[in-house]
Amino acid sequence: MRDTRYEGRSLMREPITLATVPGNALGQLLLDAVKFTSKDEARPVLRAVSLEAFTGRLVVAATDSYRMLLVTMDVEDVAEGWPAGQVMLDRADATALGKRLVSEGPAPVRLVYRPDLHVLEGHQEDDSRTPVWFSGCVTGEFVNWRRLVGARDELAGRLALDEGEMAKVFAKARRLRSEMVRFDVSGEEVVVRYQGKPKGAQEEEHVEAVLPLAIWYPSAQSEAWFCVNTAFLSSMLAALPGALLEVPVFSSGRPKPLRMTVEGRTAMVMPIMPPDGVREYQPRVRAKGVRRAVSS
């Protein structure tokens, strides 16, 4: 991965070591994070993957303004109070670098930032002077993820989207290419509703299912509903397998981010407003299990 803008210029001035990390682990994080970035070239910060070093940890973050992935990994050689703030890599550079690091295996890589050139370098442990790769960084200020992650809402319950019957119901939503999935939470149960049709089909299929919550909080306001983009929810499940989706108690007209958290990884997505009339939906299914009705 070469950036000709920096050829012929010294890369050895005022180096700042950010962290030493296993190469393949960082590479996989970059590839996961790229899926949460925007493709809009007019919004370079939202196209970027952010890397920020703290004492003993490196935080990798990405957002397209609708969803966010935040991953914390334990690292070595973190610079205390380094002045660069967050280093950001464009999604194209992050993808190329991620593939390279994954292919090279778990060998430690030392991340070095050159503030004079705004370049991130990768060094092998046995060669402290010559970088094995370097990439130009994106200029700008990344989203304040601390404010988003730190805000905690009262929860109505938690959903296990990749286990049991819920996994089957959600997998069907993807097969039907449903644009969004609606969840209605009431007490210990959730009603899942969506519609769509598989490729080549002439008729649209409507699906409803009543399933139990993985965890519910009887002391909280137990009524909640929200709609989520199916593709966005799929990307969260892929990045955080086994995580539970937290269902906040919603105030009327004020959507709150939905989040998943597991083993140092947090993903969030904003719910979407359904089409007119859907918000007035009243669950018709009372027995547990999947109920299907096909209509054109």
Foldseek 3Di string as FASTA:
>chain_A
DDDVVCPPHDPQPPKDWAFKFFLLVLLVVLVLQQVAADPDPVDQQSQKWKWAHDVQWIWIKHHHPFKIKIFIDGTPDHDHPDPPGIWIDGSVVSNVSSVVSNVVGGQMWTWMADVVQQKIFTDGPVDPGDGPDMDHTDDDDHDPVCVQVVDDFAFFAWAQCCDDPNVVVLVVCVQQVWQKWKWWWARQKIKIWTKGHHPPDDWIKIKIFIDGGPTGDPVDDGTDMFMAGSVLVVSQCVVPPPWIWTHGHDDPPDWGWIWTDDDRMIMIGTTDDDPPPPVPDDDPDDDGDMDIDIDD
